[in-house]
PDB file of N, CA and C in Angstrom:
ATOM      1  N   MET A   1       0.771  -1.197  -0.032  1.00  0.00           N
ATOM      2  CA  MET A   1      -0.157   0.055   0.092  1.00  0.00           C
ATOM      3  C   MET A   1       0.786   1.396  -0.162  1.00  0.00           C
ATOM      4  N   ALA A   2       0.642   2.138  -0.592  1.00  0.00           N
ATOM      5  CA  ALA A   2       1.202   3.596  -0.866  1.00  0.00           C
ATOM      6  C   ALA A   2       0.611   4.565   0.198  1.00  0.00           C
ATOM      7  N   THR A   3       1.270   5.371   0.718  1.00  0.00           N
ATOM      8  CA  THR A   3       0.782   6.311   1.419  1.00  0.00           C
ATOM      9  C   THR A   3       0.502   7.667   0.506  1.00  0.00           C
ATOM     10  N   ARG A   4       0.099   8.675   1.101  1.00  0.00           N
ATOM     11  CA  ARG A   4      -0.058   9.999   0.613  1.00  0.00           C
ATOM     12  C   ARG A   4       1.291  10.638   0.278  1.00  0.00           C
ATOM     13  N   LEU A   5       2.375  10.221   1.081  1.00  0.00           N
ATOM     14  CA  LEU A   5       3.594  10.824   1.180  1.00  0.00           C
ATOM     15  C   LEU A   5       4.297   9.940   0.028  1.00  0.00           C
ATOM     16  N   GLY A   6       3.664   9.091  -0.615  1.00  0.00           N
ATOM     17  CA  GLY A   6       4.598   8.050  -1.582  1.00  0.00           C
ATOM     18  C   GLY A   6       5.578   6.915  -1.078  1.00  0.00           C
ATOM     19  N   VAL A   7       5.215   6.604   0.287  1.00  0.00           N
ATOM     20  CA  VAL A   7       5.880   5.487   0.792  1.00  0.00           C
ATOM     21  C   VAL A   7       5.227   4.151   0.576  1.00  0.00           C
ATOM     22  N   GLU A   8       5.830   3.254   0.324  1.00  0.00           N
ATOM     23  CA  GLU A   8       5.077   1.669   0.482  1.00  0.00           C
ATOM     24  C   GLU A   8       5.237   1.358   1.752  1.00  0.00           C
ATOM     25  N   ALA A   9       3.972   0.890   2.207  1.00  0.00           N
ATOM     26  CA  ALA A   9       3.833   0.389   3.470  1.00  0.00           C
ATOM     27  C   ALA A   9       3.491  -1.070   3.435  1.00  0.00           C
ATOM     28  N   ARG A  10       4.264  -1.909   4.477  1.00  0.00           N
ATOM     29  CA  ARG A  10       3.916  -3.337   4.485  1.00  0.00           C
ATOM     30  C   ARG A  10       3.767  -3.842   5.818  1.00  0.00           C
ATOM     31  N   VAL A  11       3.084  -4.573   6.143  1.00  0.00           N
ATOM     32  CA  VAL A  11       3.131  -5.252   7.304  1.00  0.00           C
ATOM     33  C   VAL A  11       3.508  -6.738   7.538  1.00  0.00           C
ATOM     34  N   PHE A  12       3.969  -7.268   8.626  1.00  0.00           N
ATOM     35  CA  PHE A  12       4.610  -8.657   8.814  1.00  0.00           C
ATOM     36  C   PHE A  12       4.310  -8.889  10.162  1.00  0.00           C
ATOM     37  N   GLY A  13       4.618 -10.094  10.501  1.00  0.00           N
ATOM     38  CA  GLY A  13       4.457 -10.423  11.791  1.00  0.00           C
ATOM     39  C   GLY A  13       3.044 -10.736  12.036  1.00  0.00           C
ATOM     40  N   SER A  14       2.187 -10.702  13.378  1.00  0.00           N
ATOM     41  CA  SER A  14       0.858 -11.379  13.629  1.00  0.00           C
ATOM     42  C   SER A  14       0.005 -10.621  12.897  1.00  0.00           C
ATOM     43  N   LEU A  15       0.102  -9.476  12.500  1.00  0.00           N
ATOM     44  CA  LEU A  15      -1.022  -8.699  11.703  1.00  0.00           C
ATOM     45  C   LEU A  15      -1.016  -9.608  10.309  1.00  0.00           C
ATOM     46  N   ALA A  16       0.149  -9.400   9.869  1.00  0.00           N
ATOM     47  CA  ALA A  16       0.261 -10.139   8.474  1.00  0.00           C
ATOM     48  C   ALA A  16      -0.367 -11.531   8.357  1.00  0.00           C
ATOM     49  N   TRP A  17      -0.032 -12.339   9.492  1.00  0.00           N
ATOM     50  CA  TRP A  17      -0.716 -13.714   9.426  1.00  0.00           C
ATOM     51  C   TRP A  17      -2.221 -13.731   9.596  1.00  0.00           C
ATOM     52  N   CYS A  18      -2.702 -12.822  10.196  1.00  0.00           N
ATOM     53  CA  CYS A  18      -4.253 -12.579  10.525  1.00  0.00           C
ATOM     54  C   CYS A  18      -4.729 -12.437   9.110  1.00  0.00           C
ATOM     55  N   LEU A  19      -4.138 -11.228   8.297  1.00  0.00           N
ATOM     56  CA  LEU A  19      -4.516 -11.088   6.906  1.00  0.00           C
ATOM     57  C   LEU A  19      -4.417 -12.153   5.952  1.00  0.00           C
ATOM     58  N   LEU A  20      -3.459 -12.782   6.072  1.00  0.00           N
ATOM     59  CA  LEU A  20      -3.149 -13.890   5.247  1.00  0.00           C
ATOM     60  C   LEU A  20      -4.076 -15.178   5.477  1.00  0.00           C
ATOM     61  N   THR A  21      -4.385 -15.499   6.720  1.00  0.00           N
ATOM     62  CA  THR A  21      -4.968 -16.765   6.694  1.00  0.00           C
ATOM     63  C   THR A  21      -6.364 -16.620   7.360  1.00  0.00           C
ATOM     64  N   GLY A  22      -6.801 -15.344   7.915  1.00  0.00           N
ATOM     65  CA  GLY A  22      -8.152 -15.208   8.581  1.00  0.00           C
ATOM     66  C   GLY A  22      -8.153 -15.806   9.906  1.00  0.00           C
ATOM     67  N   LEU A  23      -6.905 -16.211  10.508  1.00  0.00           N
ATOM     68  CA  LEU A  23      -7.006 -16.722  12.095  1.00  0.00           C
ATOM     69  C   LEU A  23      -6.597 -15.604  12.756  1.00  0.00           C
ATOM     70  N   ASN A  24      -6.782 -15.568  13.855  1.00  0.00           N
ATOM     71  CA  ASN A  24      -6.425 -14.481  14.768  1.00  0.00           C
ATOM     72  C   ASN A  24      -5.143 -14.908  15.719  1.00  0.00           C
ATOM     73  N   TYR A  25      -3.996 -14.065  15.131  1.00  0.00           N
ATOM     74  CA  TYR A  25      -2.588 -14.293  15.851  1.00  0.00           C
ATOM     75  C   TYR A  25      -2.543 -13.185  16.893  1.00  0.00           C
ATOM     76  N   LEU A  26      -3.332 -12.279  16.815  1.00  0.00           N
ATOM     77  CA  LEU A  26      -2.769 -11.145  17.836  1.00  0.00           C
ATOM     78  C   LEU A  26      -3.199 -11.448  19.222  1.00  0.00           C
ATOM     79  N   THR A  27      -2.593 -10.888  20.102  1.00  0.00           N
ATOM     80  CA  THR A  27      -2.747 -10.912  21.537  1.00  0.00           C
ATOM     81  C   THR A  27      -2.602  -9.562  22.106  1.00  0.00           C
ATOM     82  N   ALA A  28      -2.926  -9.614  23.340  1.00  0.00           N
ATOM     83  CA  ALA A  28      -2.847  -8.205  24.050  1.00  0.00           C
ATOM     84  C   ALA A  28      -1.612  -7.568  24.024  1.00  0.00           C
ATOM     85  N   ARG A  29      -0.505  -8.515  23.888  1.00  0.00           N
ATOM     86  CA  ARG A  29       0.887  -8.021  23.780  1.00  0.00           C
ATOM     87  C   ARG A  29       1.465  -7.762  22.351  1.00  0.00           C
ATOM     88  N   SER A  30       0.832  -8.079  21.396  1.00  0.00           N
ATOM     89  CA  SER A  30       1.132  -7.819  20.069  1.00  0.00           C
ATOM     90  C   SER A  30       1.397  -6.334  19.725  1.00  0.00           C
ATOM     91  N   ASP A  31       2.636  -6.272  18.763  1.00  0.00           N
ATOM     92  CA  ASP A  31       3.026  -4.964  18.207  1.00  0.00           C
ATOM     93  C   ASP A  31       2.498  -4.788  17.069  1.00  0.00           C
ATOM     94  N   LEU A  32       2.594  -3.795  16.301  1.00  0.00           N
ATOM     95  CA  LEU A  32       2.522  -3.702  14.782  1.00  0.00           C
ATOM     96  C   LEU A  32       3.707  -3.592  14.016  1.00  0.00           C
ATOM     97  N   ASP A  33       4.043  -4.729  13.366  1.00  0.00           N
ATOM     98  CA  ASP A  33       5.441  -4.796  12.857  1.00  0.00           C
ATOM     99  C   ASP A  33       5.140  -4.247  11.342  1.00  0.00           C
ATOM    100  N   PHE A  34       6.153  -3.315  10.775  1.00  0.00           N
ATOM    101  CA  PHE A  34       5.876  -2.900   9.601  1.00  0.00           C
ATOM    102  C   PHE A  34       7.137  -2.174   9.115  1.00  0.00           C
ATOM    103  N   THR A  35       7.265  -2.042   7.634  1.00  0.00           N
ATOM    104  CA  THR A  35       8.199  -1.289   6.974  1.00  0.00           C
ATOM    105  C   THR A  35       7.620  -0.412   6.166  1.00  0.00           C
ATOM    106  N   LEU A  36       8.303   0.790   5.946  1.00  0.00           N
ATOM    107  CA  LEU A  36       7.779   1.931   5.405  1.00  0.00           C
ATOM    108  C   LEU A  36       9.112   2.285   4.247  1.00  0.00           C
ATOM    109  N   SER A  37       8.801   2.446   2.993  1.00  0.00           N
ATOM    110  CA  SER A  37      10.014   2.839   2.107  1.00  0.00           C
ATOM    111  C   SER A  37      10.280   4.228   2.546  1.00  0.00           C
ATOM    112  N   LEU A  38      11.674   4.430   2.203  1.00  0.00           N
ATOM    113  CA  LEU A  38      12.353   5.918   2.834  1.00  0.00           C
ATOM    114  C   LEU A  38      11.541   6.883   1.603  1.00  0.00           C
ATOM    115  N   PRO A  39      10.832   7.815   2.363  1.00  0.00           N
ATOM    116  CA  PRO A  39      10.229   8.889   1.464  1.00  0.00           C
ATOM    117  C   PRO A  39      11.269   9.740   0.775  1.00  0.00           C
ATOM    118  N   HIS A  40      10.774  10.782  -0.087  1.00  0.00           N
ATOM    119  CA  HIS A  40      11.448  11.872  -0.506  1.00  0.00           C
ATOM    120  C   HIS A  40      12.038  12.602   0.524  1.00  0.00           C
ATOM    121  N   PRO A  41      13.219  13.112   0.427  1.00  0.00           N
ATOM    122  CA  PRO A  41      13.868  13.822   1.556  1.00  0.00           C
ATOM    123  C   PRO A  41      12.912  14.977   2.190  1.00  0.00           C
ATOM    124  N   ARG A  42      12.170  15.776   1.242  1.00  0.00           N
ATOM    125  CA  ARG A  42      11.197  16.797   1.767  1.00  0.00           C
ATOM    126  C   ARG A  42      10.070  16.380   2.535  1.00  0.00           C
ATOM    127  N   ASP A  43       9.711  14.971   2.316  1.00  0.00           N
ATOM    128  CA  ASP A  43       8.694  14.398   3.103  1.00  0.00           C
ATOM    129  C   ASP A  43       9.107  13.555   4.339  1.00  0.00           C
ATOM    130  N   PHE A  44      10.497  13.422   4.573  1.00  0.00           N
ATOM    131  CA  PHE A  44      11.003  12.886   5.699  1.00  0.00           C
ATOM    132  C   PHE A  44      10.380  13.130   7.033  1.00  0.00           C
ATOM    133  N   ALA A  45      10.592  14.590   7.463  1.00  0.00           N
ATOM    134  CA  ALA A  45      10.210  15.082   8.631  1.00  0.00           C
ATOM    135  C   ALA A  45       8.573  15.048   8.848  1.00  0.00           C
ATOM    136  N   GLU A  46       8.046  15.085   7.795  1.00  0.00           N
ATOM    137  CA  GLU A  46       6.365  14.930   7.959  1.00  0.00           C
ATOM    138  C   GLU A  46       6.217  13.407   8.466  1.00  0.00           C
ATOM    139  N   LEU A  47       6.882  12.600   7.652  1.00  0.00           N
ATOM    140  CA  LEU A  47       6.595  11.024   8.030  1.00  0.00           C
ATOM    141  C   LEU A  47       6.771  10.762   9.510  1.00  0.00           C
ATOM    142  N   MET A  48       7.925  11.273  10.056  1.00  0.00           N
ATOM    143  CA  MET A  48       8.478  11.164  11.241  1.00  0.00           C
ATOM    144  C   MET A  48       7.468  11.738  12.490  1.00  0.00           C
ATOM    145  N   THR A  49       6.866  13.056  11.801  1.00  0.00           N
ATOM    146  CA  THR A  49       5.892  13.477  12.676  1.00  0.00           C
ATOM    147  C   THR A  49       4.604  12.706  12.985  1.00  0.00           C
ATOM    148  N   GLU A  50       4.097  12.251  11.575  1.00  0.00           N
ATOM    149  CA  GLU A  50       3.045  11.382  11.568  1.00  0.00           C
ATOM    150  C   GLU A  50       3.097   9.951  12.278  1.00  0.00           C
ATOM    151  N   LEU A  51       4.279   9.274  12.338  1.00  0.00           N
ATOM    152  CA  LEU A  51       4.584   8.111  12.983  1.00  0.00           C
ATOM    153  C   LEU A  51       4.340   8.668  14.284  1.00  0.00           C
ATOM    154  N   GLY A  52       4.968   9.366  14.821  1.00  0.00           N
ATOM    155  CA  GLY A  52       5.053   9.911  16.270  1.00  0.00           C
ATOM    156  C   GLY A  52       3.577  10.028  16.708  1.00  0.00           C
ATOM    157  N   SER A  53       2.595  10.818  16.107  1.00  0.00           N
ATOM    158  CA  SER A  53       1.316  10.967  16.401  1.00  0.00           C
ATOM    159  C   SER A  53       0.714   9.670  16.363  1.00  0.00           C
ATOM    160  N   ILE A  54       0.751   8.864  15.383  1.00  0.00           N
ATOM    161  CA  ILE A  54       0.151   7.539  15.368  1.00  0.00           C
ATOM    162  C   ILE A  54       0.574   6.808  16.512  1.00  0.00           C
ATOM    163  N   ASP A  55       1.815   6.656  16.860  1.00  0.00           N
ATOM    164  CA  ASP A  55       2.200   5.879  17.797  1.00  0.00           C
ATOM    165  C   ASP A  55       1.844   6.523  19.354  1.00  0.00           C
ATOM    166  N   SER A  56       1.384   7.583  19.566  1.00  0.00           N
ATOM    167  CA  SER A  56       1.125   8.208  20.979  1.00  0.00           C
ATOM    168  C   SER A  56      -0.569   7.689  21.304  1.00  0.00           C
ATOM    169  N   ALA A  57      -1.345   7.533  19.887  1.00  0.00           N
ATOM    170  CA  ALA A  57      -2.738   7.203  19.897  1.00  0.00           C
ATOM    171  C   ALA A  57      -2.789   5.526  19.845  1.00  0.00           C
ATOM    172  N   ALA A  58      -1.945   4.884  19.272  1.00  0.00           N
ATOM    173  CA  ALA A  58      -2.203   3.643  18.816  1.00  0.00           C
ATOM    174  C   ALA A  58      -2.370   2.578  20.274  1.00  0.00           C
ATOM    175  N   PRO A  59      -3.206   1.642  20.133  1.00  0.00           N
ATOM    176  CA  PRO A  59      -3.570   0.919  21.233  1.00  0.00           C
ATOM    177  C   PRO A  59      -2.328  -0.354  21.483  1.00  0.00           C
ATOM    178  N   MET A  60      -1.123  -0.223  20.318  1.00  0.00           N
ATOM    179  CA  MET A  60      -0.029  -1.259  20.529  1.00  0.00           C
ATOM    180  C   MET A  60       1.068  -0.670  20.288  1.00  0.00           C
ATOM    181  N   ARG A  61       2.361  -1.254  20.428  1.00  0.00           N
ATOM    182  CA  ARG A  61       3.643  -0.548  20.009  1.00  0.00           C
ATOM    183  C   ARG A  61       3.696  -0.746  18.530  1.00  0.00           C
ATOM    184  N   LEU A  62       4.341   0.480  18.128  1.00  0.00           N
ATOM    185  CA  LEU A  62       4.652   0.493  16.379  1.00  0.00           C
ATOM    186  C   LEU A  62       5.913   0.163  16.564  1.00  0.00           C
ATOM    187  N   ASP A  63       6.317  -0.991  15.845  1.00  0.00           N
ATOM    188  CA  ASP A  63       7.664  -1.671  15.578  1.00  0.00           C
ATOM    189  C   ASP A  63       8.024  -1.792  14.082  1.00  0.00           C
ATOM    190  N   GLY A  64       8.561  -0.729  13.633  1.00  0.00           N
ATOM    191  CA  GLY A  64       8.656  -0.755  12.002  1.00  0.00           C
ATOM    192  C   GLY A  64      10.281  -0.007  11.676  1.00  0.00           C
ATOM    193  N   GLU A  65      10.275  -0.247  10.396  1.00  0.00           N
ATOM    194  CA  GLU A  65      11.758   0.314   9.855  1.00  0.00           C
ATOM    195  C   GLU A  65      11.360   1.133   8.569  1.00  0.00           C
ATOM    196  N   ILE A  66      12.142   1.999   8.634  1.00  0.00           N
ATOM    197  CA  ILE A  66      12.315   2.771   7.258  1.00  0.00           C
ATOM    198  C   ILE A  66      13.352   2.001   6.529  1.00  0.00           C
ATOM    199  N   VAL A  67      12.907   1.648   4.957  1.00  0.00           N
ATOM    200  CA  VAL A  67      13.801   0.879   4.302  1.00  0.00           C
ATOM    201  C   VAL A  67      14.053   1.792   2.893  1.00  0.00           C
ATOM    202  N   ARG A  68      15.465   1.775   2.779  1.00  0.00           N
ATOM    203  CA  ARG A  68      16.110   2.366   1.376  1.00  0.00           C
ATOM    204  C   ARG A  68      15.620   1.452   0.286  1.00  0.00           C
ATOM    205  N   ASP A  69      15.980   1.999  -1.102  1.00  0.00           N
ATOM    206  CA  ASP A  69      15.950   1.008  -2.158  1.00  0.00           C
ATOM    207  C   ASP A  69      16.882  -0.111  -2.134  1.00  0.00           C
ATOM    208  N   ASP A  70      18.011   0.104  -1.550  1.00  0.00           N
ATOM    209  CA  ASP A  70      19.057  -0.791  -1.446  1.00  0.00           C
ATOM    210  C   ASP A  70      18.673  -2.047  -0.514  1.00  0.00           C
ATOM    211  N   GLY A  71      17.687  -2.085   0.070  1.00  0.00           N
ATOM    212  CA  GLY A  71      17.320  -3.037   1.196  1.00  0.00           C
ATOM    213  C   GLY A  71      17.704  -2.494   2.710  1.00  0.00           C
ATOM    214  N   ALA A  72      18.708  -1.566   2.944  1.00  0.00           N
ATOM    215  CA  ALA A  72      19.122  -1.085   4.189  1.00  0.00           C
ATOM    216  C   ALA A  72      17.776  -0.637   4.967  1.00  0.00           C
ATOM    217  N   GLY A  73      17.726  -0.821   6.243  1.00  0.00           N
ATOM    218  CA  GLY A  73      16.620  -0.577   7.097  1.00  0.00           C
ATOM    219  C   GLY A  73      16.931  -0.029   8.360  1.00  0.00           C
ATOM    220  N   VAL A  74      16.480   0.800   8.889  1.00  0.00           N
ATOM    221  CA  VAL A  74      16.613   1.401  10.312  1.00  0.00           C
ATOM    222  C   VAL A  74      15.455   1.646  10.862  1.00  0.00           C
ATOM    223  N   HIS A  75      15.465   1.275  12.275  1.00  0.00           N
ATOM    224  CA  HIS A  75      13.926   1.539  13.049  1.00  0.00           C
ATOM    225  C   HIS A  75      13.574   2.920  13.251  1.00  0.00           C
ATOM    226  N   TRP A  76      12.445   3.079  12.718  1.00  0.00           N
ATOM    227  CA  TRP A  76      11.679   4.482  12.581  1.00  0.00           C
ATOM    228  C   TRP A  76      12.137   5.331  13.989  1.00  0.00           C
ATOM    229  N   ARG A  77      11.863   4.775  15.275  1.00  0.00           N
ATOM    230  CA  ARG A  77      12.246   5.376  16.371  1.00  0.00           C
ATOM    231  C   ARG A  77      13.807   6.113  16.609  1.00  0.00           C
ATOM    232  N   GLU A  78      14.787   5.157  16.039  1.00  0.00           N
ATOM    233  CA  GLU A  78      16.083   5.651  15.942  1.00  0.00           C
ATOM    234  C   GLU A  78      16.085   6.844  15.056  1.00  0.00           C
ATOM    235  N   LEU A  79      15.612   6.660  13.859  1.00  0.00           N
ATOM    236  CA  LEU A  79      15.630   7.864  12.964  1.00  0.00           C
ATOM    237  C   LEU A  79      14.926   9.141  13.543  1.00  0.00           C
ATOM    238  N   ARG A  80      13.821   8.946  14.080  1.00  0.00           N
ATOM    239  CA  ARG A  80      13.162  10.055  14.774  1.00  0.00           C
ATOM    240  C   ARG A  80      13.844  10.889  15.900  1.00  0.00           C
ATOM    241  N   SER A  81      14.826   9.859  16.663  1.00  0.00           N
ATOM    242  CA  SER A  81      15.459  10.562  17.716  1.00  0.00           C
ATOM    243  C   SER A  81      16.521  11.650  17.299  1.00  0.00           C
ATOM    244  N   GLY A  82      16.779  11.683  15.961  1.00  0.00           N
ATOM    245  CA  GLY A  82      17.759  12.707  15.496  1.00  0.00           C
ATOM    246  C   GLY A  82      19.210  12.273  16.071  1.00  0.00           C
ATOM    247  N   ALA A  83      19.550  10.785  16.143  1.00  0.00           N
ATOM    248  CA  ALA A  83      20.791  10.568  16.415  1.00  0.00           C
ATOM    249  C   ALA A  83      21.578  10.875  15.245  1.00  0.00           C
ATOM    250  N   ARG A  84      22.893  11.261  15.404  1.00  0.00           N
ATOM    251  CA  ARG A  84      23.851  11.086  14.249  1.00  0.00           C
ATOM    252  C   ARG A  84      24.114  10.125  13.608  1.00  0.00           C
ATOM    253  N   GLU A  85      24.230   8.746  14.116  1.00  0.00           N
ATOM    254  CA  GLU A  85      24.661   7.691  13.578  1.00  0.00           C
ATOM    255  C   GLU A  85      23.228   6.682  13.984  1.00  0.00           C
ATOM    256  N   VAL A  86      22.931   5.711  13.172  1.00  0.00           N
ATOM    257  CA  VAL A  86      21.886   5.003  13.375  1.00  0.00           C
ATOM    258  C   VAL A  86      22.368   3.514  12.811  1.00  0.00           C
ATOM    259  N   LEU A  87      21.616   2.468  13.632  1.00  0.00           N
ATOM    260  CA  LEU A  87      22.014   1.127  13.358  1.00  0.00           C
ATOM    261  C   LEU A  87      21.074   0.642  12.262  1.00  0.00           C
ATOM    262  N   ALA A  88      21.783   0.324  11.170  1.00  0.00           N
ATOM    263  CA  ALA A  88      21.065  -0.203   9.881  1.00  0.00           C
ATOM    264  C   ALA A  88      21.315  -1.685   9.594  1.00  0.00           C
ATOM    265  N   LYS A  89      20.385  -2.207   9.151  1.00  0.00           N
ATOM    266  CA  LYS A  89      20.306  -3.719   8.702  1.00  0.00           C
ATOM    267  C   LYS A  89      20.636  -3.844   7.384  1.00  0.00           C
ATOM    268  N   THR A  90      21.750  -4.124   6.793  1.00  0.00           N
ATOM    269  CA  THR A  90      22.014  -4.350   5.433  1.00  0.00           C
ATOM    270  C   THR A  90      22.092  -5.604   4.901  1.00  0.00           C
ATOM    271  N   VAL A  91      22.293  -5.720   3.607  1.00  0.00           N
ATOM    272  CA  VAL A  91      22.464  -7.086   3.025  1.00  0.00           C
ATOM    273  C   VAL A  91      23.891  -7.793   3.754  1.00  0.00           C
ATOM    274  N   GLY A  92      24.761  -6.847   3.721  1.00  0.00           N
ATOM    275  CA  GLY A  92      25.956  -7.242   4.289  1.00  0.00           C
ATOM    276  C   GLY A  92      26.009  -7.549   5.969  1.00  0.00           C
ATOM    277  N   GLY A  93      25.013  -7.216   6.463  1.00  0.00           N
ATOM    278  CA  GLY A  93      24.672  -7.209   8.047  1.00  0.00           C
ATOM    279  C   GLY A  93      24.756  -5.869   8.627  1.00  0.00           C
ATOM    280  N   PRO A  94      24.695  -5.796  10.069  1.00  0.00           N
ATOM    281  CA  PRO A  94      24.382  -4.786  10.592  1.00  0.00           C
ATOM    282  C   PRO A  94      25.393  -3.773  10.547  1.00  0.00           C
ATOM    283  N   THR A  95      25.295  -2.408  10.429  1.00  0.00           N
ATOM    284  CA  THR A  95      26.213  -1.413  10.178  1.00  0.00           C
ATOM    285  C   THR A  95      26.013  -0.289  10.664  1.00  0.00           C
ATOM    286  N   LEU A  96      26.585   0.511  11.349  1.00  0.00           N
ATOM    287  CA  LEU A  96      26.317   1.944  11.745  1.00  0.00           C
ATOM    288  C   LEU A  96      26.514   3.112  10.389  1.00  0.00           C
ATOM    289  N   LEU A  97      25.530   3.673  10.329  1.00  0.00           N
ATOM    290  CA  LEU A  97      25.247   4.625   9.200  1.00  0.00           C
ATOM    291  C   LEU A  97      25.189   5.979   9.637  1.00  0.00           C
ATOM    292  N   ASN A  98      25.661   7.098   9.111  1.00  0.00           N
ATOM    293  CA  ASN A  98      25.178   8.345   9.416  1.00  0.00           C
ATOM    294  C   ASN A  98      23.866   8.596   8.973  1.00  0.00           C
ATOM    295  N   SER A  99      22.925   9.146   9.954  1.00  0.00           N
ATOM    296  CA  SER A  99      21.499   9.113   9.658  1.00  0.00           C
ATOM    297  C   SER A  99      21.080  10.170   8.336  1.00  0.00           C
ATOM    298  N   VAL A 100      21.883  11.347   8.259  1.00  0.00           N
ATOM    299  CA  VAL A 100      21.594  12.109   7.292  1.00  0.00           C
ATOM    300  C   VAL A 100      21.762  11.478   5.894  1.00  0.00           C
ATOM    301  N   GLU A 101      22.994  10.844   5.813  1.00  0.00           N
ATOM    302  CA  GLU A 101      23.168   9.959   4.660  1.00  0.00           C
ATOM    303  C   GLU A 101      22.237   8.985   4.342  1.00  0.00           C
ATOM    304  N   PHE A 102      21.868   8.227   5.351  1.00  0.00           N
ATOM    305  CA  PHE A 102      20.743   7.277   5.253  1.00  0.00           C
ATOM    306  C   PHE A 102      19.736   7.774   4.795  1.00  0.00           C
ATOM    307  N   THR A 103      19.142   9.115   5.251  1.00  0.00           N
ATOM    308  CA  THR A 103      17.871   9.412   4.669  1.00  0.00           C
ATOM    309  C   THR A 103      18.055  10.428   3.440  1.00  0.00           C
ATOM    310  N   GLY A 104      19.025  10.346   2.845  1.00  0.00           N
ATOM    311  CA  GLY A 104      19.054  11.239   1.722  1.00  0.00           C
ATOM    312  C   GLY A 104      19.294  12.725   1.975  1.00  0.00           C
ATOM    313  N   GLY A 105      19.495  12.968   2.904  1.00  0.00           N
ATOM    314  CA  GLY A 105      19.872  14.364   3.349  1.00  0.00           C
ATOM    315  C   GLY A 105      19.012  14.939   4.280  1.00  0.00           C
ATOM    316  N   SER A 106      18.060  14.518   4.759  1.00  0.00           N
ATOM    317  CA  SER A 106      17.128  15.079   5.884  1.00  0.00           C
ATOM    318  C   SER A 106      17.282  14.129   7.053  1.00  0.00           C
ATOM    319  N   ASN A 107      16.773  15.099   8.151  1.00  0.00           N
ATOM    320  CA  ASN A 107      16.604  14.302   9.476  1.00  0.00           C
ATOM    321  C   ASN A 107      16.136  15.139  10.312  1.00  0.00           C
TER     322      ASN A 107
END
């Protein structure tokens, strides 16, 4: 699913299993596992603000990553924190990356 900011949204984990099978895999402790594609740099701050708003109102923990076209992914909370370096999952394994470089120039 694409959002109005042009990011691709995907869910996995227990919610995905519910959608795929029609069975209930959710519990009171379930979180919402998702990935979002990295938005255009001009939309990055807005996406982080919107995720923060959703997180504060959501009945469950949001556990998601922002993923670049090359497959590298960083947890959205880490990006939102404003940290200079972030831990990215890459094809070659976990690595520390400069957050501004990861996001394409915004943070």
